[in-house]
C-alpha atoms as a PDB file:
ATOM      1  CA  MET A   1      75.458  19.690  -1.401  1.00  0.00           C
ATOM      2  CA  VAL A   2      72.043  20.773  -0.031  1.00  0.00           C
ATOM      3  CA  LYS A   3      70.498  18.839   2.634  1.00  0.00           C
ATOM      4  CA  LEU A   4      67.209  20.233   2.683  1.00  0.00           C
ATOM      5  CA  SER A   5      64.778  21.777   0.258  1.00  0.00           C
ATOM      6  CA  VAL A   6      62.065  23.848   1.734  1.00  0.00           C
ATOM      7  CA  ILE A   7      58.907  24.451  -0.829  1.00  0.00           C
ATOM      8  CA  VAL A   8      56.987  27.449   0.081  1.00  0.00           C
ATOM      9  CA  PRO A   9      54.037  28.391  -2.355  1.00  0.00           C
ATOM     10  CA  PHE A  10      52.743  31.958  -1.663  1.00  0.00           C
ATOM     11  CA  TYR A  11      49.403  33.693  -3.143  1.00  0.00           C
ATOM     12  CA  ASN A  12      48.163  36.806  -1.724  1.00  0.00           C
ATOM     13  CA  VAL A  13      49.320  36.470   1.672  1.00  0.00           C
ATOM     14  CA  GLN A  14      51.104  39.996   2.288  1.00  0.00           C
ATOM     15  CA  GLN A  15      49.323  39.694   5.820  1.00  0.00           C
ATOM     16  CA  TYR A  16      51.331  36.599   7.045  1.00  0.00           C
ATOM     17  CA  ALA A  17      54.120  36.298   4.432  1.00  0.00           C
ATOM     18  CA  PRO A  18      56.415  38.159   7.007  1.00  0.00           C
ATOM     19  CA  ASP A  19      55.688  35.834   9.988  1.00  0.00           C
ATOM     20  CA  THR A  20      56.381  33.149   7.528  1.00  0.00           C
ATOM     21  CA  LEU A  21      59.942  34.186   6.182  1.00  0.00           C
ATOM     22  CA  LYS A  22      61.015  35.481   9.718  1.00  0.00           C
ATOM     23  CA  SER A  23      60.207  31.710  11.006  1.00  0.00           C
ATOM     24  CA  LEU A  24      62.443  30.209   8.006  1.00  0.00           C
ATOM     25  CA  ARG A  25      65.092  32.989   8.960  1.00  0.00           C
ATOM     26  CA  ALA A  26      65.127  31.040  12.047  1.00  0.00           C
ATOM     27  CA  ASN A  27      65.653  27.783  10.568  1.00  0.00           C
ATOM     28  CA  ALA A  28      68.473  28.505   8.181  1.00  0.00           C
ATOM     29  CA  ARG A  29      71.269  26.627   7.622  1.00  0.00           C
ATOM     30  CA  GLU A  30      74.223  26.808   5.192  1.00  0.00           C
ATOM     31  CA  ASP A  31      73.063  23.518   3.713  1.00  0.00           C
ATOM     32  CA  PHE A  32      69.277  24.346   3.555  1.00  0.00           C
ATOM     33  CA  GLU A  33      67.707  26.116   0.636  1.00  0.00           C
ATOM     34  CA  PHE A  34      64.050  27.785   0.744  1.00  0.00           C
ATOM     35  CA  ILE A  35      62.069  27.691  -2.440  1.00  0.00           C
ATOM     36  CA  LEU A  36      59.534  30.702  -2.389  1.00  0.00           C
ATOM     37  CA  VAL A  37      57.134  30.042  -5.050  1.00  0.00           C
ATOM     38  CA  ASP A  38      54.998  33.198  -5.498  1.00  0.00           C
ATOM     39  CA  ASP A  39      51.777  31.804  -7.508  1.00  0.00           C
ATOM     40  CA  CYS A  40      51.149  35.307  -9.586  1.00  0.00           C
ATOM     41  CA  SER A  41      50.146  36.958  -6.241  1.00  0.00           C
ATOM     42  CA  ARG A  42      47.917  40.439  -6.601  1.00  0.00           C
ATOM     43  CA  ASP A  43      48.976  42.175  -3.563  1.00  0.00           C
ATOM     44  CA  GLY A  44      51.771  42.866  -2.098  1.00  0.00           C
ATOM     45  CA  THR A  45      53.497  39.384  -1.433  1.00  0.00           C
ATOM     46  CA  PRO A  46      55.762  39.804  -4.570  1.00  0.00           C
ATOM     47  CA  GLU A  47      57.700  42.750  -3.298  1.00  0.00           C
ATOM     48  CA  ILE A  48      58.062  40.958   0.119  1.00  0.00           C
ATOM     49  CA  LEU A  49      59.620  38.003  -1.324  1.00  0.00           C
ATOM     50  CA  ALA A  50      62.071  39.652  -3.792  1.00  0.00           C
ATOM     51  CA  ARG A  51      62.925  41.494  -0.595  1.00  0.00           C
ATOM     52  CA  ALA A  52      63.449  38.030   1.093  1.00  0.00           C
ATOM     53  CA  GLU A  53      65.417  36.710  -1.709  1.00  0.00           C
ATOM     54  CA  ARG A  54      68.195  39.166  -1.017  1.00  0.00           C
ATOM     55  CA  GLU A  55      67.848  38.817   2.980  1.00  0.00           C
ATOM     56  CA  LEU A  56      67.063  35.174   3.468  1.00  0.00           C
ATOM     57  CA  PRO A  57      69.926  32.744   3.382  1.00  0.00           C
ATOM     58  CA  GLY A  58      69.391  30.161   1.177  1.00  0.00           C
ATOM     59  CA  ALA A  59      66.229  31.634  -0.541  1.00  0.00           C
ATOM     60  CA  VAL A  60      65.266  31.180  -4.518  1.00  0.00           C
ATOM     61  CA  HIS A  61      62.428  33.346  -5.767  1.00  0.00           C
ATOM     62  CA  VAL A  62      60.280  31.856  -8.524  1.00  0.00           C
ATOM     63  CA  ARG A  63      56.848  33.624  -9.853  1.00  0.00           C
ATOM     64  CA  HIS A  64      54.384  32.410 -11.927  1.00  0.00           C
ATOM     65  CA  GLU A  65      52.694  34.532 -14.761  1.00  0.00           C
ATOM     66  CA  LYS A  66      49.844  32.594 -14.170  1.00  0.00           C
ATOM     67  CA  ASN A  67      47.974  31.363 -11.003  1.00  0.00           C
ATOM     68  CA  GLY A  68      48.103  27.685 -10.914  1.00  0.00           C
ATOM     69  CA  GLY A  69      47.049  26.735  -7.619  1.00  0.00           C
ATOM     70  CA  LEU A  70      48.871  25.035  -4.546  1.00  0.00           C
ATOM     71  CA  ALA A  71      49.312  21.909  -6.327  1.00  0.00           C
ATOM     72  CA  THR A  72      51.232  23.381  -9.218  1.00  0.00           C
ATOM     73  CA  ALA A  73      53.144  25.574  -7.161  1.00  0.00           C
ATOM     74  CA  ARG A  74      54.336  22.865  -5.054  1.00  0.00           C
ATOM     75  CA  ASN A  75      55.520  20.695  -8.431  1.00  0.00           C
ATOM     76  CA  THR A  76      57.318  24.123  -9.537  1.00  0.00           C
ATOM     77  CA  GLY A  77      59.382  23.817  -6.046  1.00  0.00           C
ATOM     78  CA  ILE A  78      59.880  20.203  -6.267  1.00  0.00           C
ATOM     79  CA  ASP A  79      61.249  20.498 -10.032  1.00  0.00           C
ATOM     80  CA  ARG A  80      63.911  23.123  -8.706  1.00  0.00           C
ATOM     81  CA  ALA A  81      64.728  21.533  -5.212  1.00  0.00           C
ATOM     82  CA  ARG A  82      68.170  20.462  -5.057  1.00  0.00           C
ATOM     83  CA  GLY A  83      67.867  19.202  -1.765  1.00  0.00           C
ATOM     84  CA  GLU A  84      68.504  15.112  -0.231  1.00  0.00           C
ATOM     85  CA  TYR A  85      65.154  15.913   1.475  1.00  0.00           C
ATOM     86  CA  LEU A  86      62.415  17.754   0.841  1.00  0.00           C
ATOM     87  CA  THR A  87      59.722  19.507   2.727  1.00  0.00           C
ATOM     88  CA  PHE A  88      56.869  21.782   2.114  1.00  0.00           C
ATOM     89  CA  LEU A  89      55.564  25.263   4.430  1.00  0.00           C
ATOM     90  CA  ASP A  90      52.219  27.120   3.332  1.00  0.00           C
ATOM     91  CA  GLY A  91      53.179  30.651   2.936  1.00  0.00           C
ATOM     92  CA  ASP A  92      51.006  31.806   6.002  1.00  0.00           C
ATOM     93  CA  ASP A  93      51.888  29.167   8.195  1.00  0.00           C
ATOM     94  CA  TRP A  94      55.119  29.190  10.474  1.00  0.00           C
ATOM     95  CA  LEU A  95      57.455  27.241  12.220  1.00  0.00           C
ATOM     96  CA  ALA A  96      59.132  27.055  15.761  1.00  0.00           C
ATOM     97  CA  PRO A  97      63.235  28.106  15.851  1.00  0.00           C
ATOM     98  CA  GLY A  98      65.491  25.260  14.907  1.00  0.00           C
ATOM     99  CA  TYR A  99      62.836  23.017  13.720  1.00  0.00           C
ATOM    100  CA  TYR A 100      63.959  21.742  10.503  1.00  0.00           C
ATOM    101  CA  ALA A 101      67.366  20.673  11.785  1.00  0.00           C
ATOM    102  CA  GLU A 102      65.655  18.420  14.373  1.00  0.00           C
ATOM    103  CA  LEU A 103      63.351  17.124  11.443  1.00  0.00           C
ATOM    104  CA  VAL A 104      66.470  16.208   9.215  1.00  0.00           C
ATOM    105  CA  ALA A 105      68.367  14.539  12.023  1.00  0.00           C
ATOM    106  CA  ALA A 106      64.810  12.344  12.889  1.00  0.00           C
ATOM    107  CA  ILE A 107      64.739  11.388   9.214  1.00  0.00           C
ATOM    108  CA  GLU A 108      68.683  10.539   8.932  1.00  0.00           C
ATOM    109  CA  LYS A 109      68.421   8.569  12.220  1.00  0.00           C
ATOM    110  CA  LEU A 110      65.439   6.470  11.094  1.00  0.00           C
ATOM    111  CA  ASP A 111      66.696   6.299   7.500  1.00  0.00           C
ATOM    112  CA  CYS A 112      63.347   6.200   5.707  1.00  0.00           C
ATOM    113  CA  ASP A 113      61.486   7.057   2.662  1.00  0.00           C
ATOM    114  CA  PHE A 114      59.314   9.767   4.660  1.00  0.00           C
ATOM    115  CA  LEU A 115      58.378  11.105   8.197  1.00  0.00           C
ATOM    116  CA  ARG A 116      55.102  12.313   9.384  1.00  0.00           C
ATOM    117  CA  THR A 117      55.015  14.879  12.536  1.00  0.00           C
ATOM    118  CA  ASP A 118      52.282  16.226  14.747  1.00  0.00           C
ATOM    119  CA  HIS A 119      51.674  20.064  14.239  1.00  0.00           C
ATOM    120  CA  VAL A 120      50.027  23.103  16.106  1.00  0.00           C
ATOM    121  CA  GLN A 121      46.561  24.136  15.129  1.00  0.00           C
ATOM    122  CA  CYS A 122      46.326  27.967  15.303  1.00  0.00           C
ATOM    123  CA  THR A 123      42.509  29.325  15.022  1.00  0.00           C
ATOM    124  CA  ALA A 124      42.665  33.039  16.020  1.00  0.00           C
ATOM    125  CA  ARG A 125      43.926  33.104  19.794  1.00  0.00           C
ATOM    126  CA  ALA A 126      43.424  29.144  20.191  1.00  0.00           C
ATOM    127  CA  ARG A 127      46.409  26.647  19.772  1.00  0.00           C
ATOM    128  CA  SER A 128      45.730  22.957  19.783  1.00  0.00           C
ATOM    129  CA  VAL A 129      48.069  20.218  18.905  1.00  0.00           C
ATOM    130  CA  GLN A 130      46.944  17.490  16.309  1.00  0.00           C
ATOM    131  CA  ARG A 131      48.593  14.500  16.294  1.00  0.00           C
ATOM    132  CA  VAL A 132      49.512  12.004  13.407  1.00  0.00           C
ATOM    133  CA  PRO A 133      46.332   9.447  13.778  1.00  0.00           C
ATOM    134  CA  HIS A 134      49.379   6.547  14.107  1.00  0.00           C
ATOM    135  CA  GLY A 135      49.854   4.868  17.500  1.00  0.00           C
ATOM    136  CA  ARG A 136      53.299   3.752  16.661  1.00  0.00           C
ATOM    137  CA  ARG A 137      56.148   6.246  16.807  1.00  0.00           C
ATOM    138  CA  ASN A 138      59.772   5.959  15.888  1.00  0.00           C
ATOM    139  CA  VAL A 139      59.414   2.699  14.277  1.00  0.00           C
ATOM    140  CA  VAL A 140      60.296   2.302  10.420  1.00  0.00           C
ATOM    141  CA  MET A 141      56.868   0.494   8.747  1.00  0.00           C
ATOM    142  CA  THR A 142      55.587  -0.311   5.591  1.00  0.00           C
ATOM    143  CA  PRO A 143      53.496   2.672   4.412  1.00  0.00           C
ATOM    144  CA  ARG A 144      50.826   0.544   3.223  1.00  0.00           C
ATOM    145  CA  GLU A 145      50.175  -0.915   6.770  1.00  0.00           C
ATOM    146  CA  ALA A 146      49.193   2.199   7.888  1.00  0.00           C
ATOM    147  CA  ILE A 147      46.030   2.852   5.277  1.00  0.00           C
ATOM    148  CA  LEU A 148      43.907   0.773   7.400  1.00  0.00           C
ATOM    149  CA  PRO A 149      41.174   0.502   9.024  1.00  0.00           C
ATOM    150  CA  ALA A 150      38.520   1.397   6.939  1.00  0.00           C
ATOM    151  CA  ASP A 151      36.531   2.680  10.031  1.00  0.00           C
ATOM    152  CA  ARG A 152      38.933   4.830  12.066  1.00  0.00           C
ATOM    153  CA  SER A 153      40.772   7.790  11.256  1.00  0.00           C
ATOM    154  CA  THR A 154      44.485   6.737   9.847  1.00  0.00           C
ATOM    155  CA  SER A 155      47.806   8.193   8.244  1.00  0.00           C
ATOM    156  CA  VAL A 156      46.148   8.665   5.035  1.00  0.00           C
ATOM    157  CA  ASP A 157      43.618  11.005   6.358  1.00  0.00           C
ATOM    158  CA  TYR A 158      46.221  13.420   8.074  1.00  0.00           C
ATOM    159  CA  ALA A 159      47.248  14.555   4.352  1.00  0.00           C
ATOM    160  CA  TYR A 160      49.112  17.745   5.410  1.00  0.00           C
ATOM    161  CA  ALA A 161      52.308  17.722   3.030  1.00  0.00           C
ATOM    162  CA  TRP A 162      54.069  20.094   5.274  1.00  0.00           C
ATOM    163  CA  ALA A 163      53.728  17.594   8.025  1.00  0.00           C
ATOM    164  CA  GLY A 164      56.900  15.863   7.456  1.00  0.00           C
ATOM    165  CA  ILE A 165      59.875  15.258   5.204  1.00  0.00           C
ATOM    166  CA  TYR A 166      60.505  13.383   2.181  1.00  0.00           C
ATOM    167  CA  HIS A 167      63.867  11.506   0.674  1.00  0.00           C
ATOM    168  CA  ARG A 168      64.765  12.769  -2.730  1.00  0.00           C
ATOM    169  CA  ARG A 169      64.377   8.817  -4.023  1.00  0.00           C
ATOM    170  CA  LEU A 170      60.431   9.634  -3.632  1.00  0.00           C
ATOM    171  CA  VAL A 171      60.823  12.428  -6.576  1.00  0.00           C
ATOM    172  CA  ASP A 172      63.126   9.950  -8.658  1.00  0.00           C
ATOM    173  CA  LYS A 173      60.055   6.997  -8.483  1.00  0.00           C
ATOM    174  CA  GLY A 174      57.646   9.546  -9.298  1.00  0.00           C
ATOM    175  CA  LEU A 175      55.734   9.840  -6.145  1.00  0.00           C
ATOM    176  CA  LEU A 176      56.045  13.077  -4.502  1.00  0.00           C
ATOM    177  CA  HIS A 177      54.663  15.470  -7.634  1.00  0.00           C
ATOM    178  CA  PHE A 178      51.065  16.558  -6.621  1.00  0.00           C
ATOM    179  CA  THR A 179      47.946  16.351  -9.542  1.00  0.00           C
ATOM    180  CA  ASP A 180      48.572  19.322 -11.336  1.00  0.00           C
ATOM    181  CA  GLY A 181      46.058  21.966 -11.416  1.00  0.00           C
ATOM    182  CA  LEU A 182      43.857  20.543  -8.220  1.00  0.00           C
ATOM    183  CA  ARG A 183      42.757  23.647  -6.178  1.00  0.00           C
ATOM    184  CA  THR A 184      41.758  21.859  -2.935  1.00  0.00           C
ATOM    185  CA  ALA A 185      42.151  18.328  -1.440  1.00  0.00           C
ATOM    186  CA  GLU A 186      45.418  18.198  -3.403  1.00  0.00           C
ATOM    187  CA  ASP A 187      46.857  16.224  -0.611  1.00  0.00           C
ATOM    188  CA  ARG A 188      44.705  13.384  -0.564  1.00  0.00           C
ATOM    189  CA  PRO A 189      45.761  11.372  -3.926  1.00  0.00           C
ATOM    190  CA  TRP A 190      49.111  12.376  -2.870  1.00  0.00           C
ATOM    191  CA  ILE A 191      49.238  10.795   0.475  1.00  0.00           C
ATOM    192  CA  TRP A 192      47.250   7.683  -0.673  1.00  0.00           C
ATOM    193  CA  LYS A 193      50.058   7.436  -3.515  1.00  0.00           C
ATOM    194  CA  LEU A 194      52.803   7.793  -1.089  1.00  0.00           C
ATOM    195  CA  HIS A 195      51.180   5.154   1.356  1.00  0.00           C
ATOM    196  CA  ARG A 196      50.582   2.762  -1.486  1.00  0.00           C
ATOM    197  CA  GLU A 197      53.903   2.816  -3.331  1.00  0.00           C
ATOM    198  CA  ALA A 198      56.657   3.887  -0.980  1.00  0.00           C
ATOM    199  CA  ASP A 199      58.875   1.475   0.780  1.00  0.00           C
ATOM    200  CA  SER A 200      59.074   2.889   4.002  1.00  0.00           C
ATOM    201  CA  PHE A 201      58.032   5.366   6.705  1.00  0.00           C
ATOM    202  CA  ALA A 202      57.712   6.268  10.381  1.00  0.00           C
ATOM    203  CA  VAL A 203      55.983   8.775  12.568  1.00  0.00           C
ATOM    204  CA  VAL A 204      57.664  10.860  15.091  1.00  0.00           C
ATOM    205  CA  SER A 205      56.627  13.151  18.317  1.00  0.00           C
ATOM    206  CA  LEU A 206      58.145  16.213  16.815  1.00  0.00           C
ATOM    207  CA  LEU A 207      56.482  19.626  17.147  1.00  0.00           C
ATOM    208  CA  GLY A 208      57.407  22.829  15.132  1.00  0.00           C
ATOM    209  CA  VAL A 209      54.927  23.461  11.981  1.00  0.00           C
ATOM    210  CA  PHE A 210      52.141  26.221  13.479  1.00  0.00           C
ATOM    211  CA  TYR A 211      49.007  25.823  10.855  1.00  0.00           C
ATOM    212  CA  ARG A 212      47.212  28.716  10.239  1.00  0.00           C
ATOM    213  CA  ARG A 213      43.687  27.794  10.326  1.00  0.00           C
ATOM    214  CA  GLY A 214      40.470  29.690   9.230  1.00  0.00           C
ATOM    215  CA  VAL A 215      42.444  32.439   6.806  1.00  0.00           C
ATOM    216  CA  ALA A 216      39.781  34.602   4.847  1.00  0.00           C
ATOM    217  CA  SER A 217      41.661  33.993   1.838  1.00  0.00           C
ATOM    218  CA  SER A 218      42.063  30.316   2.281  1.00  0.00           C
ATOM    219  CA  LEU A 219      39.943  27.955  -0.041  1.00  0.00           C
ATOM    220  CA  THR A 220      38.723  26.099   3.046  1.00  0.00           C
ATOM    221  CA  GLN A 221      36.881  29.384   3.726  1.00  0.00           C
ATOM    222  CA  ILE A 222      35.393  30.231   0.441  1.00  0.00           C
ATOM    223  CA  GLY A 223      32.454  28.575  -1.082  1.00  0.00           C
ATOM    224  CA  ASP A 224      33.246  28.634  -4.826  1.00  0.00           C
ATOM    225  CA  VAL A 225      33.506  26.434  -7.365  1.00  0.00           C
ATOM    226  CA  ARG A 226      37.282  25.655  -6.804  1.00  0.00           C
ATOM    227  CA  GLN A 227      36.230  23.715  -3.522  1.00  0.00           C
ATOM    228  CA  LEU A 228      34.540  21.208  -5.847  1.00  0.00           C
ATOM    229  CA  ASP A 229      38.027  19.989  -7.119  1.00  0.00           C
ATOM    230  CA  PHE A 230      37.400  17.318  -4.275  1.00  0.00           C
ATOM    231  CA  ILE A 231      35.517  15.566  -6.178  1.00  0.00           C
ATOM    232  CA  ARG A 232      38.403  15.154  -8.883  1.00  0.00           C
ATOM    233  CA  ALA A 233      40.916  14.224  -6.191  1.00  0.00           C
ATOM    234  CA  PHE A 234      39.136  11.704  -4.849  1.00  0.00           C
ATOM    235  CA  ASP A 235      38.080  10.296  -8.287  1.00  0.00           C
ATOM    236  CA  GLN A 236      41.780   9.819  -8.343  1.00  0.00           C
ATOM    237  CA  VAL A 237      41.946   8.182  -5.198  1.00  0.00           C
ATOM    238  CA  ILE A 238      39.702   5.277  -5.944  1.00  0.00           C
ATOM    239  CA  GLU A 239      40.823   5.063  -9.574  1.00  0.00           C
ATOM    240  CA  GLU A 240      44.385   4.523  -8.460  1.00  0.00           C
ATOM    241  CA  THR A 241      43.124   2.209  -5.188  1.00  0.00           C
ATOM    242  CA  ALA A 242      41.084   0.105  -7.517  1.00  0.00           C
ATOM    243  CA  GLN A 243      44.245  -0.679  -9.634  1.00  0.00           C
ATOM    244  CA  ASP A 244      46.478  -1.673  -6.587  1.00  0.00           C
ATOM    245  CA  ALA A 245      46.849  -5.411  -6.156  1.00  0.00           C
ATOM    246  CA  GLN A 246      45.338  -5.109  -2.715  1.00  0.00           C
ATOM    247  CA  ALA A 247      42.239  -3.324  -3.901  1.00  0.00           C
ATOM    248  CA  GLU A 248      39.612  -5.278  -2.477  1.00  0.00           C
ATOM    249  CA  THR A 249      41.125  -4.941   1.099  1.00  0.00           C
ATOM    250  CA  LEU A 250      41.929  -0.858   0.195  1.00  0.00           C
ATOM    251  CA  LEU A 251      38.799  -0.206  -1.392  1.00  0.00           C
ATOM    252  CA  PRO A 252      36.616   0.203   1.759  1.00  0.00           C
ATOM    253  CA  LYS A 253      38.758   2.912   3.242  1.00  0.00           C
ATOM    254  CA  ALA A 254      38.833   4.691   0.023  1.00  0.00           C
ATOM    255  CA  VAL A 255      35.161   4.886  -0.654  1.00  0.00           C
ATOM    256  CA  ARG A 256      34.129   5.564   3.258  1.00  0.00           C
ATOM    257  CA  THR A 257      36.402   8.622   3.457  1.00  0.00           C
ATOM    258  CA  TYR A 258      35.025   9.846  -0.033  1.00  0.00           C
ATOM    259  CA  CYS A 259      31.570   9.568   1.381  1.00  0.00           C
ATOM    260  CA  ALA A 260      32.516  11.341   4.425  1.00  0.00           C
ATOM    261  CA  ILE A 261      34.142  14.179   2.756  1.00  0.00           C
ATOM    262  CA  ILE A 262      30.871  14.426   0.390  1.00  0.00           C
ATOM    263  CA  SER A 263      28.622  14.489   3.723  1.00  0.00           C
ATOM    264  CA  HIS A 264      30.824  16.854   4.827  1.00  0.00           C
ATOM    265  CA  HIS A 265      30.273  19.532   2.025  1.00  0.00           C
ATOM    266  CA  LEU A 266      26.505  18.570   2.186  1.00  0.00           C
ATOM    267  CA  GLY A 267      26.179  19.360   5.887  1.00  0.00           C
ATOM    268  CA  SER A 268      27.865  23.195   5.091  1.00  0.00           C
ATOM    269  CA  ILE A 269      26.075  23.670   2.020  1.00  0.00           C
ATOM    270  CA  GLU A 270      24.840  26.884   2.815  1.00  0.00           C
ATOM    271  CA  ARG A 271      28.790  28.322   2.700  1.00  0.00           C
ATOM    272  CA  PHE A 272      28.552  27.604  -0.944  1.00  0.00           C
ATOM    273  CA  GLU A 273      27.424  30.174  -3.575  1.00  0.00           C
ATOM    274  CA  PRO A 274      23.840  29.069  -4.661  1.00  0.00           C
ATOM    275  CA  ALA A 275      25.341  28.034  -8.326  1.00  0.00           C
ATOM    276  CA  VAL A 276      27.751  26.122  -6.736  1.00  0.00           C
ATOM    277  CA  ALA A 277      25.639  24.133  -4.330  1.00  0.00           C
ATOM    278  CA  LYS A 278      23.762  22.783  -6.751  1.00  0.00           C
ATOM    279  CA  LYS A 279      26.639  21.537  -8.691  1.00  0.00           C
ATOM    280  CA  LEU A 280      27.940  20.037  -5.380  1.00  0.00           C
ATOM    281  CA  LYS A 281      24.899  18.040  -5.369  1.00  0.00           C
ATOM    282  CA  SER A 282      24.514  16.652  -8.772  1.00  0.00           C
ATOM    283  CA  MET A 283      28.422  16.271  -9.073  1.00  0.00           C
ATOM    284  CA  SER A 284      28.509  14.437  -5.635  1.00  0.00           C
ATOM    285  CA  ALA A 285      25.463  12.405  -6.981  1.00  0.00           C
ATOM    286  CA  ALA A 286      27.414  11.257 -10.151  1.00  0.00           C
ATOM    287  CA  ALA A 287      30.658  10.131  -7.842  1.00  0.00           C
ATOM    288  CA  LEU A 288      28.524   8.243  -6.336  1.00  0.00           C
ATOM    289  CA  ARG A 289      27.189   6.181  -8.809  1.00  0.00           C
ATOM    290  CA  ARG A 290      31.042   6.198  -9.970  1.00  0.00           C
ATOM    291  CA  MET A 291      32.173   4.206  -6.753  1.00  0.00           C
ATOM    292  CA  PRO A 292      31.956   0.672  -6.711  1.00  0.00           C
ATOM    293  CA  GLN A 293      28.138   0.019  -5.664  1.00  0.00           C
ATOM    294  CA  ASN A 294      28.898  -3.023  -3.485  1.00  0.00           C
ATOM    295  CA  VAL A 295      31.920  -1.236  -1.493  1.00  0.00           C
ATOM    296  CA  LEU A 296      29.528   1.585  -1.496  1.00  0.00           C
ATOM    297  CA  ASP A 297      26.771  -0.346   0.062  1.00  0.00           C
ATOM    298  CA  GLU A 298      29.099  -1.581   2.860  1.00  0.00           C
ATOM    299  CA  ALA A 299      30.751   1.867   3.529  1.00  0.00           C
ATOM    300  CA  LEU A 300      26.913   3.183   3.868  1.00  0.00           C
ATOM    301  CA  ASP A 301      25.792   0.669   6.470  1.00  0.00           C
ATOM    302  CA  SER A 302      28.658   1.328   8.572  1.00  0.00           C
ATOM    303  CA  MET A 303      28.151   4.948   8.585  1.00  0.00           C
ATOM    304  CA  ASP A 304      26.149   6.771  11.536  1.00  0.00           C
ATOM    305  CA  ILE A 305      22.493   7.009  10.533  1.00  0.00           C
ATOM    306  CA  GLN A 306      22.741  10.896   9.573  1.00  0.00           C
ATOM    307  CA  ARG A 307      25.353  10.908   7.104  1.00  0.00           C
ATOM    308  CA  ALA A 308      24.064   7.720   5.353  1.00  0.00           C
ATOM    309  CA  ALA A 309      20.522   9.044   5.119  1.00  0.00           C
ATOM    310  CA  ARG A 310      21.960  12.370   3.441  1.00  0.00           C
ATOM    311  CA  LEU A 311      24.247   9.993   1.088  1.00  0.00           C
ATOM    312  CA  ARG A 312      21.406   7.555   0.502  1.00  0.00           C
ATOM    313  CA  ARG A 313      18.901  10.710  -0.748  1.00  0.00           C
ATOM    314  CA  LEU A 314      21.734  11.883  -2.549  1.00  0.00           C
ATOM    315  CA  ARG A 315      22.415   8.502  -4.418  1.00  0.00           C
ATOM    316  CA  ARG A 316      18.534   8.386  -5.644  1.00  0.00           C
ATOM    317  CA  ARG A 317      19.003  11.914  -7.152  1.00  0.00           C
ATOM    318  CA  PRO A 318      18.812  11.557 -10.620  1.00  0.00           C
ATOM    319  CA  ALA A 319      21.946  13.086 -12.285  1.00  0.00           C
ATOM    320  CA  PRO A 320      21.709  16.198 -14.793  1.00  0.00           C
ATOM    321  CA  ALA A 321      23.262  15.697 -18.264  1.00  0.00           C
ATOM    322  CA  GLY A 322      27.062  16.525 -18.027  1.00  0.00           C
ATOM    323  CA  ALA A 323      27.052  16.368 -13.990  1.00  0.00           C
ATOM    324  CA  ALA A 324      30.290  14.157 -14.045  1.00  0.00           C
ATOM    325  CA  ALA A 325      33.295  15.566 -12.524  1.00  0.00           C
END
């Protein structure tokens, strides 16, 4: 019986993959499997993973013949996973030795659908601890109780899939798969669905994932059209939340977060290619018009003056034909 399945997508990360795999080796156990999904890498990553399949205990190597993006690669791993529990790691991040054994012990002790954990953010040589924005620790709660309040950072804003562990029953309920093909913000509809529909979760003060931020090949650093998938991701959050029995209570949080992300991208629009920057503005304007307008009014009234003014200007912008997401 496999206790834990670790799903690790890789795409053109030959510089970092050896460190990632070394840290997996320091977490290996007889009842752990490591599903290494090569998302059609074009550098030396496939050779590194082929060697890892021979040398890393519990390794399962899967290769995509076509690049599908992080969400699709994770779904491939979920479909191959045999474990009672599942977790994720990105191919350019790494782990503390023995972390996964502690993580499994924590969820078995609390006996809930999923756990969320803190992590260490690594930018160049700087290290900083990033905490789950949820005060209660080691207490099993109903996940939807952690969505609000709308005007503060909460657990749904801490969307990192690798910062936690998930019981297989979430797969069986259709809650763990990602929206296929999303190139960025794939964690957002996913974390909202978990918090709306799972039965139980907890937060634990466990550190062991080292998140490498600022990698040049990361989509968060590339200003091409793939970045605009955040609009499709948040449209999904709004649409699904609007169908919830508590939509009136939850939508203000979803709309306010969507607005904050749009404002963030507009505030750093110079990093986008000119054609993509133009498309960002038109698609974002269309997105604002698709939101529930009364909820949007309240969200803008609650934001700081600079962000609210930026979004109100965009809201008044005429949308070109065909600009919908």
